[in-house]
């Protein structure tokens, strides 16, 4: 899939988490989004706040297309949205604005994502600690959070 401009918000602080607009890349299956040196995997059952999670930290994220009216933040949310400098012209075309209000946006450069690092992390063999029903459900969404990496003997 080709890169696409998306809205990404960290939901670990509710509606007031860090938020970005920029180009994301997708895995072949479309289940993982790569952005700003993060791999965000789609939740099989969306959480209370997010629809993706960071495979390294477990933090929930909300990822969606950008809104044409520019109102991407939740109505109860606050804070500036960081926008990737490389995506500004494309974003302005999508929202049909002529300029961005610096009171609402912060211009940043996002990091390139090392997809190979995440590929190795996701394909590492695991040993499960807990086989309860709750852990199995949790595992469907966040495999690495309830598992230990198998140590070589």
N, C-alpha and C. Protein backbone atom coordinates (compact mmCIF):
# COMPACT_ATOMS: atom_id res chain seq x y z
N UNK A 1 0.84 -1.19 0.00
CA UNK A 1 0.00 0.00 0.00
C UNK A 1 0.88 1.24 0.00
N UNK A 2 0.46 2.24 -0.71
CA UNK A 2 1.25 3.46 -0.76
C UNK A 2 0.99 4.31 0.49
N UNK A 3 1.96 5.16 0.86
CA UNK A 3 1.78 6.02 2.03
C UNK A 3 0.53 6.89 1.91
N UNK A 4 -0.07 7.16 3.05
CA UNK A 4 -1.32 7.93 3.09
C UNK A 4 -1.27 8.90 4.27
N UNK A 5 -1.87 10.06 4.11
CA UNK A 5 -1.93 11.02 5.22
C UNK A 5 -3.03 10.60 6.18
N UNK A 6 -2.66 10.48 7.46
CA UNK A 6 -3.60 10.04 8.49
C UNK A 6 -3.45 10.92 9.73
N UNK A 7 -4.47 10.84 10.58
CA UNK A 7 -4.46 11.48 11.89
C UNK A 7 -4.14 10.39 12.91
N UNK A 8 -3.15 10.62 13.77
CA UNK A 8 -2.72 9.65 14.78
C UNK A 8 -2.72 10.35 16.13
N UNK A 9 -3.40 9.75 17.12
CA UNK A 9 -3.45 10.35 18.46
C UNK A 9 -3.15 9.30 19.51
N UNK A 10 -2.21 9.62 20.41
CA UNK A 10 -1.89 8.74 21.53
C UNK A 10 -3.00 8.90 22.56
N UNK A 11 -3.66 7.78 22.90
CA UNK A 11 -4.80 7.84 23.81
C UNK A 11 -4.44 7.49 25.26
N UNK A 12 -3.14 7.40 25.59
CA UNK A 12 -2.76 7.07 26.96
C UNK A 12 -3.14 8.19 27.93
N UNK A 13 -3.39 9.39 27.42
CA UNK A 13 -3.83 10.52 28.25
C UNK A 13 -5.25 10.92 27.92
N UNK A 14 -6.05 9.97 27.49
CA UNK A 14 -7.43 10.28 27.11
C UNK A 14 -7.46 11.10 25.84
N UNK A 15 -8.28 12.13 25.81
CA UNK A 15 -8.43 12.96 24.62
C UNK A 15 -7.38 14.06 24.52
N UNK A 16 -6.43 14.08 25.46
CA UNK A 16 -5.45 15.17 25.49
C UNK A 16 -4.04 14.69 25.13
N UNK A 17 -3.92 13.49 24.55
CA UNK A 17 -2.61 12.94 24.20
C UNK A 17 -2.00 13.63 23.00
N UNK A 18 -0.74 13.31 22.77
CA UNK A 18 -0.05 13.84 21.60
C UNK A 18 -0.78 13.41 20.34
N UNK A 19 -0.80 14.29 19.35
CA UNK A 19 -1.48 13.99 18.09
C UNK A 19 -0.62 14.47 16.93
N UNK A 20 -0.69 13.70 15.84
CA UNK A 20 0.10 14.00 14.64
C UNK A 20 -0.78 13.89 13.40
N UNK A 21 -0.35 14.57 12.37
CA UNK A 21 -0.87 14.35 11.02
C UNK A 21 0.36 14.18 10.14
N UNK A 22 0.35 13.10 9.39
CA UNK A 22 1.49 12.85 8.53
C UNK A 22 1.28 11.61 7.70
N UNK A 23 2.26 11.33 6.84
CA UNK A 23 2.21 10.14 6.00
C UNK A 23 2.51 8.90 6.84
N UNK A 24 1.68 7.88 6.69
CA UNK A 24 1.91 6.59 7.34
C UNK A 24 2.14 5.56 6.24
N UNK A 25 2.80 4.48 6.61
CA UNK A 25 2.98 3.35 5.71
C UNK A 25 2.26 2.17 6.33
N UNK A 26 1.76 1.28 5.49
CA UNK A 26 1.02 0.11 5.96
C UNK A 26 1.82 -1.16 5.68
N UNK A 27 1.59 -2.16 6.51
CA UNK A 27 2.16 -3.48 6.24
C UNK A 27 1.43 -4.08 5.05
N UNK A 28 1.92 -5.21 4.54
CA UNK A 28 1.27 -5.86 3.40
C UNK A 28 -0.16 -6.23 3.71
N UNK A 29 -0.43 -6.66 4.95
CA UNK A 29 -1.78 -7.06 5.33
C UNK A 29 -2.68 -5.87 5.65
N UNK A 30 -2.06 -4.70 5.87
CA UNK A 30 -2.82 -3.51 6.23
C UNK A 30 -3.16 -3.46 7.71
N UNK A 31 -2.70 -4.43 8.49
CA UNK A 31 -3.02 -4.49 9.92
C UNK A 31 -2.07 -3.68 10.79
N UNK A 32 -0.91 -3.30 10.24
CA UNK A 32 0.07 -2.53 10.99
C UNK A 32 0.35 -1.23 10.25
N UNK A 33 0.38 -0.15 11.03
CA UNK A 33 0.68 1.17 10.50
C UNK A 33 2.05 1.57 11.04
N UNK A 34 2.92 2.03 10.16
CA UNK A 34 4.25 2.49 10.56
C UNK A 34 4.27 4.00 10.47
N UNK A 35 4.66 4.62 11.61
CA UNK A 35 4.70 6.08 11.65
C UNK A 35 5.65 6.53 12.75
N UNK A 36 6.53 7.45 12.45
CA UNK A 36 7.40 8.09 13.42
C UNK A 36 8.18 7.07 14.26
N UNK A 37 8.75 6.08 13.59
CA UNK A 37 9.52 5.00 14.21
C UNK A 37 8.70 4.19 15.20
N UNK A 38 7.41 4.03 14.92
CA UNK A 38 6.51 3.20 15.71
C UNK A 38 5.80 2.23 14.79
N UNK A 39 5.47 1.07 15.34
CA UNK A 39 4.63 0.10 14.63
C UNK A 39 3.33 0.01 15.43
N UNK A 40 2.25 0.43 14.82
CA UNK A 40 0.95 0.46 15.48
C UNK A 40 0.08 -0.61 14.84
N UNK A 41 -0.30 -1.59 15.64
CA UNK A 41 -1.05 -2.74 15.13
C UNK A 41 -2.53 -2.57 15.45
N UNK A 42 -3.35 -2.95 14.49
CA UNK A 42 -4.80 -2.82 14.63
C UNK A 42 -5.30 -3.75 15.74
N UNK A 43 -6.13 -3.21 16.61
CA UNK A 43 -6.75 -4.02 17.66
C UNK A 43 -7.86 -4.85 17.03
N UNK A 44 -7.89 -6.14 17.34
CA UNK A 44 -8.95 -7.00 16.81
C UNK A 44 -10.29 -6.60 17.40
N UNK A 45 -10.26 -6.22 18.66
CA UNK A 45 -11.44 -5.69 19.32
C UNK A 45 -11.03 -4.30 19.81
N UNK A 46 -11.51 -3.23 19.16
CA UNK A 46 -11.07 -1.89 19.56
C UNK A 46 -11.26 -1.64 21.05
N UNK A 47 -10.29 -0.93 21.63
CA UNK A 47 -10.34 -0.62 23.06
C UNK A 47 -11.29 0.53 23.34
N UNK A 48 -11.28 0.97 24.57
CA UNK A 48 -12.16 2.06 24.98
C UNK A 48 -11.79 3.34 24.26
N UNK A 49 -10.49 3.58 24.09
CA UNK A 49 -10.03 4.82 23.51
C UNK A 49 -9.49 4.66 22.09
N UNK A 50 -8.81 3.56 21.84
CA UNK A 50 -8.07 3.45 20.60
C UNK A 50 -8.49 2.31 19.70
N UNK A 51 -7.99 2.36 18.47
CA UNK A 51 -8.24 1.28 17.52
C UNK A 51 -6.94 0.61 17.07
N UNK A 52 -5.79 1.10 17.57
CA UNK A 52 -4.48 0.52 17.32
C UNK A 52 -3.69 0.53 18.62
N UNK A 53 -2.61 -0.26 18.69
CA UNK A 53 -1.73 -0.23 19.85
C UNK A 53 -0.28 -0.29 19.38
N UNK A 54 0.59 0.30 20.16
CA UNK A 54 2.02 0.30 19.88
C UNK A 54 2.57 -1.07 20.30
N UNK A 55 3.20 -1.80 19.39
CA UNK A 55 3.63 -3.16 19.71
C UNK A 55 4.78 -3.19 20.71
N UNK A 56 5.44 -2.06 20.94
CA UNK A 56 6.52 -2.03 21.93
C UNK A 56 6.03 -1.62 23.31
N UNK A 57 5.16 -0.63 23.38
CA UNK A 57 4.75 -0.09 24.68
C UNK A 57 3.35 -0.52 25.11
N UNK A 58 2.51 -0.94 24.16
CA UNK A 58 1.13 -1.30 24.47
C UNK A 58 0.19 -0.12 24.54
N UNK A 59 0.70 1.10 24.37
CA UNK A 59 -0.16 2.29 24.42
C UNK A 59 -1.17 2.24 23.28
N UNK A 60 -2.39 2.68 23.58
CA UNK A 60 -3.43 2.72 22.56
C UNK A 60 -3.35 4.02 21.77
N UNK A 61 -3.68 3.90 20.48
CA UNK A 61 -3.68 5.04 19.57
C UNK A 61 -4.98 5.04 18.80
N UNK A 62 -5.41 6.23 18.42
CA UNK A 62 -6.54 6.39 17.52
C UNK A 62 -5.96 6.82 16.18
N UNK A 63 -6.26 6.07 15.13
CA UNK A 63 -5.78 6.42 13.79
C UNK A 63 -6.99 6.50 12.87
N UNK A 64 -7.06 7.60 12.14
CA UNK A 64 -8.17 7.76 11.19
C UNK A 64 -7.72 8.66 10.05
N UNK A 65 -8.53 8.71 9.03
CA UNK A 65 -8.28 9.65 7.95
C UNK A 65 -8.48 11.06 8.47
N UNK A 66 -7.94 12.03 7.78
CA UNK A 66 -8.11 13.42 8.22
C UNK A 66 -9.50 13.91 7.82
N UNK A 67 -10.03 14.78 8.64
CA UNK A 67 -11.36 15.34 8.36
C UNK A 67 -11.22 16.59 7.50
N UNK A 68 -12.11 16.73 6.56
CA UNK A 68 -12.06 17.87 5.64
C UNK A 68 -12.24 19.20 6.34
N UNK A 69 -12.94 19.20 7.48
CA UNK A 69 -13.15 20.46 8.21
C UNK A 69 -11.98 20.79 9.14
N UNK A 70 -10.98 19.91 9.22
CA UNK A 70 -9.81 20.16 10.05
C UNK A 70 -10.01 19.89 11.52
N UNK A 71 -11.17 19.41 11.91
CA UNK A 71 -11.49 19.15 13.32
C UNK A 71 -11.20 17.68 13.67
N UNK A 72 -9.93 17.30 13.66
CA UNK A 72 -9.57 15.92 13.90
C UNK A 72 -9.58 15.54 15.38
N UNK A 73 -9.27 16.47 16.25
CA UNK A 73 -9.30 16.20 17.69
C UNK A 73 -10.73 15.90 18.14
N UNK A 74 -10.84 15.05 19.17
CA UNK A 74 -12.14 14.78 19.79
C UNK A 74 -12.69 16.09 20.34
N UNK A 75 -13.99 16.22 20.37
CA UNK A 75 -14.58 17.50 20.80
C UNK A 75 -14.21 17.89 22.22
N UNK A 76 -13.85 16.91 23.07
CA UNK A 76 -13.42 17.22 24.43
C UNK A 76 -11.90 17.26 24.55
N UNK A 77 -11.20 17.03 23.45
CA UNK A 77 -9.74 17.01 23.46
C UNK A 77 -9.14 18.39 23.35
N UNK A 78 -7.85 18.45 23.65
CA UNK A 78 -7.16 19.73 23.54
C UNK A 78 -5.69 19.47 23.21
N UNK A 79 -5.02 20.51 22.84
CA UNK A 79 -3.60 20.44 22.51
C UNK A 79 -3.36 20.62 21.03
N UNK A 80 -2.15 21.05 20.72
CA UNK A 80 -1.77 21.25 19.32
C UNK A 80 -1.59 19.90 18.64
N UNK A 81 -1.83 19.90 17.35
CA UNK A 81 -1.58 18.72 16.52
C UNK A 81 -0.25 18.95 15.81
N UNK A 82 0.65 18.00 15.95
CA UNK A 82 1.93 18.09 15.26
C UNK A 82 1.73 17.60 13.84
N UNK A 83 2.17 18.39 12.90
CA UNK A 83 2.01 18.01 11.50
C UNK A 83 3.40 17.90 10.87
N UNK A 84 3.60 16.79 10.18
CA UNK A 84 4.87 16.55 9.50
C UNK A 84 5.07 17.59 8.40
N UNK A 85 6.22 18.25 8.44
CA UNK A 85 6.51 19.29 7.44
C UNK A 85 6.41 18.76 6.01
N UNK A 86 6.72 17.48 5.82
CA UNK A 86 6.69 16.89 4.48
C UNK A 86 5.27 16.61 3.97
N UNK A 87 4.28 16.73 4.84
CA UNK A 87 2.91 16.42 4.43
C UNK A 87 2.00 17.65 4.38
N UNK A 88 2.53 18.81 4.67
CA UNK A 88 1.68 20.01 4.76
C UNK A 88 0.96 20.32 3.46
N UNK A 89 1.67 20.32 2.34
CA UNK A 89 1.02 20.70 1.07
C UNK A 89 -0.08 19.70 0.71
N UNK A 90 0.17 18.41 0.92
CA UNK A 90 -0.85 17.39 0.64
C UNK A 90 -2.05 17.54 1.59
N UNK A 91 -1.76 17.82 2.86
CA UNK A 91 -2.83 18.01 3.84
C UNK A 91 -3.70 19.21 3.46
N UNK A 92 -3.08 20.30 3.05
CA UNK A 92 -3.85 21.49 2.66
C UNK A 92 -4.77 21.20 1.48
N UNK A 93 -4.34 20.33 0.57
CA UNK A 93 -5.21 19.94 -0.55
C UNK A 93 -6.40 19.13 -0.05
N UNK A 94 -6.16 18.24 0.91
CA UNK A 94 -7.23 17.37 1.43
C UNK A 94 -8.29 18.16 2.18
N UNK A 95 -7.85 19.15 2.95
CA UNK A 95 -8.80 19.89 3.78
C UNK A 95 -9.28 21.17 3.12
N UNK A 96 -8.71 21.47 1.96
CA UNK A 96 -9.12 22.65 1.21
C UNK A 96 -8.89 23.95 1.99
N UNK A 97 -7.77 24.00 2.74
CA UNK A 97 -7.36 25.23 3.43
C UNK A 97 -6.28 25.87 2.58
N UNK A 98 -6.02 27.14 2.84
CA UNK A 98 -4.91 27.81 2.16
C UNK A 98 -3.70 27.94 3.08
N UNK A 99 -3.93 27.90 4.40
CA UNK A 99 -2.84 28.03 5.37
C UNK A 99 -3.24 27.31 6.66
N UNK A 100 -2.23 27.02 7.49
CA UNK A 100 -2.48 26.37 8.78
C UNK A 100 -2.33 27.36 9.92
N UNK A 101 -3.23 27.29 10.88
CA UNK A 101 -3.21 28.17 12.04
C UNK A 101 -2.17 27.65 13.03
N UNK A 102 -1.15 28.44 13.32
CA UNK A 102 -0.09 28.02 14.23
C UNK A 102 -0.57 27.90 15.67
N UNK A 103 -1.77 28.35 15.99
CA UNK A 103 -2.33 28.15 17.32
C UNK A 103 -2.83 26.72 17.49
N UNK A 104 -3.08 26.03 16.38
CA UNK A 104 -3.62 24.67 16.42
C UNK A 104 -2.62 23.61 15.98
N UNK A 105 -1.59 24.03 15.24
CA UNK A 105 -0.63 23.09 14.67
C UNK A 105 0.79 23.45 15.08
N UNK A 106 1.60 22.39 15.23
CA UNK A 106 3.04 22.53 15.45
C UNK A 106 3.72 21.79 14.31
N UNK A 107 4.66 22.44 13.64
CA UNK A 107 5.32 21.85 12.49
C UNK A 107 6.55 21.07 12.96
N UNK A 108 6.60 19.78 12.62
CA UNK A 108 7.67 18.89 13.08
C UNK A 108 8.18 18.03 11.92
N UNK A 109 9.30 17.38 12.17
CA UNK A 109 9.81 16.37 11.25
C UNK A 109 9.70 15.03 11.96
N UNK A 110 9.03 14.08 11.33
CA UNK A 110 8.87 12.76 11.96
C UNK A 110 10.01 11.85 11.54
N UNK A 111 10.31 10.88 12.41
CA UNK A 111 11.37 9.92 12.14
C UNK A 111 10.92 8.87 11.14
N UNK A 112 11.86 8.38 10.36
CA UNK A 112 11.60 7.26 9.45
C UNK A 112 11.51 6.00 10.30
N UNK A 113 10.64 5.08 9.92
CA UNK A 113 10.44 3.85 10.68
C UNK A 113 11.29 2.72 10.14
N UNK A 114 11.99 2.04 11.06
CA UNK A 114 12.78 0.86 10.71
C UNK A 114 11.85 -0.35 10.81
N UNK A 115 11.21 -0.68 9.70
CA UNK A 115 10.22 -1.77 9.69
C UNK A 115 10.85 -3.12 10.00
N UNK A 116 12.10 -3.32 9.62
CA UNK A 116 12.77 -4.59 9.87
C UNK A 116 12.87 -4.88 11.37
N UNK A 117 13.12 -3.85 12.17
CA UNK A 117 13.20 -4.02 13.63
C UNK A 117 11.89 -4.56 14.18
N UNK A 118 10.78 -4.04 13.69
CA UNK A 118 9.47 -4.49 14.17
C UNK A 118 9.13 -5.87 13.65
N UNK A 119 9.57 -6.18 12.46
CA UNK A 119 9.35 -7.51 11.89
C UNK A 119 10.03 -8.56 12.78
N UNK A 120 11.26 -8.30 13.19
CA UNK A 120 11.98 -9.21 14.08
C UNK A 120 11.27 -9.33 15.42
N UNK A 121 10.81 -8.23 15.96
CA UNK A 121 10.13 -8.23 17.25
C UNK A 121 8.85 -9.05 17.20
N UNK A 122 8.05 -8.88 16.16
CA UNK A 122 6.79 -9.60 16.07
C UNK A 122 6.96 -11.08 15.76
N UNK A 123 8.05 -11.43 15.12
CA UNK A 123 8.26 -12.83 14.77
C UNK A 123 9.10 -13.60 15.78
N UNK A 124 9.49 -12.96 16.87
CA UNK A 124 10.24 -13.65 17.92
C UNK A 124 9.35 -14.71 18.57
N UNK A 125 9.93 -15.84 18.91
CA UNK A 125 9.16 -16.92 19.54
C UNK A 125 8.81 -16.50 20.97
N UNK A 126 7.62 -16.88 21.40
CA UNK A 126 7.17 -16.47 22.74
C UNK A 126 6.82 -17.66 23.61
N UNK A 127 6.82 -17.42 24.90
CA UNK A 127 6.42 -18.41 25.90
C UNK A 127 5.40 -17.72 26.79
N UNK A 128 4.16 -18.22 26.82
CA UNK A 128 3.09 -17.54 27.54
C UNK A 128 3.13 -17.80 29.03
N UNK A 129 2.85 -16.77 29.82
CA UNK A 129 2.83 -16.87 31.28
C UNK A 129 1.46 -17.25 31.79
N UNK A 130 0.42 -16.85 31.10
CA UNK A 130 -0.92 -16.95 31.65
C UNK A 130 -1.87 -17.43 30.56
N UNK A 131 -2.57 -18.52 30.81
CA UNK A 131 -3.48 -19.06 29.80
C UNK A 131 -4.95 -18.86 30.19
N UNK A 132 -5.22 -17.96 31.11
CA UNK A 132 -6.61 -17.71 31.51
C UNK A 132 -7.38 -17.09 30.35
N UNK A 133 -8.70 -17.10 30.45
CA UNK A 133 -9.56 -16.54 29.40
C UNK A 133 -9.23 -15.06 29.16
N UNK A 134 -9.03 -14.31 30.24
CA UNK A 134 -8.72 -12.89 30.11
C UNK A 134 -7.39 -12.70 29.39
N UNK A 135 -6.41 -13.51 29.71
CA UNK A 135 -5.10 -13.39 29.07
C UNK A 135 -5.19 -13.76 27.60
N UNK A 136 -5.99 -14.77 27.27
CA UNK A 136 -6.14 -15.16 25.87
C UNK A 136 -6.75 -14.03 25.07
N UNK A 137 -7.75 -13.36 25.64
CA UNK A 137 -8.36 -12.23 24.95
C UNK A 137 -7.35 -11.11 24.78
N UNK A 138 -6.63 -10.83 25.86
CA UNK A 138 -5.63 -9.77 25.82
C UNK A 138 -4.57 -10.12 24.78
N UNK A 139 -4.20 -11.40 24.72
CA UNK A 139 -3.19 -11.84 23.79
C UNK A 139 -3.62 -11.62 22.34
N UNK A 140 -4.88 -11.74 22.03
CA UNK A 140 -5.34 -11.54 20.66
C UNK A 140 -5.03 -10.14 20.17
N UNK A 141 -4.94 -9.19 21.10
CA UNK A 141 -4.67 -7.82 20.71
C UNK A 141 -3.24 -7.38 20.97
N UNK A 142 -2.65 -7.87 22.02
CA UNK A 142 -1.33 -7.38 22.43
C UNK A 142 -0.43 -8.54 22.80
N UNK A 143 -0.05 -9.30 21.85
CA UNK A 143 0.70 -10.54 22.06
C UNK A 143 1.91 -10.37 22.97
N UNK A 144 2.71 -9.37 22.75
CA UNK A 144 3.96 -9.22 23.48
C UNK A 144 3.77 -8.78 24.93
N UNK A 145 2.61 -8.23 25.25
CA UNK A 145 2.43 -7.73 26.61
C UNK A 145 2.22 -8.84 27.63
N UNK A 146 1.76 -10.01 27.20
CA UNK A 146 1.54 -11.08 28.17
C UNK A 146 2.48 -12.25 27.93
N UNK A 147 3.54 -12.00 27.23
CA UNK A 147 4.45 -13.09 26.92
C UNK A 147 5.88 -12.73 27.28
N UNK A 148 6.67 -13.75 27.48
CA UNK A 148 8.10 -13.58 27.69
C UNK A 148 8.80 -14.11 26.45
N UNK A 149 9.85 -13.43 26.04
CA UNK A 149 10.62 -13.97 24.93
C UNK A 149 11.30 -15.24 25.42
N UNK A 150 11.27 -16.26 24.60
CA UNK A 150 11.91 -17.52 24.95
C UNK A 150 13.42 -17.32 24.93
N UNK A 151 14.07 -17.64 26.04
CA UNK A 151 15.51 -17.47 26.13
C UNK A 151 16.22 -18.70 25.58
N UNK A 152 17.27 -18.54 24.80
CA UNK A 152 18.01 -19.70 24.28
C UNK A 152 18.67 -20.46 25.42
N UNK A 153 18.66 -21.78 25.33
CA UNK A 153 19.26 -22.60 26.38
C UNK A 153 20.76 -22.70 26.23
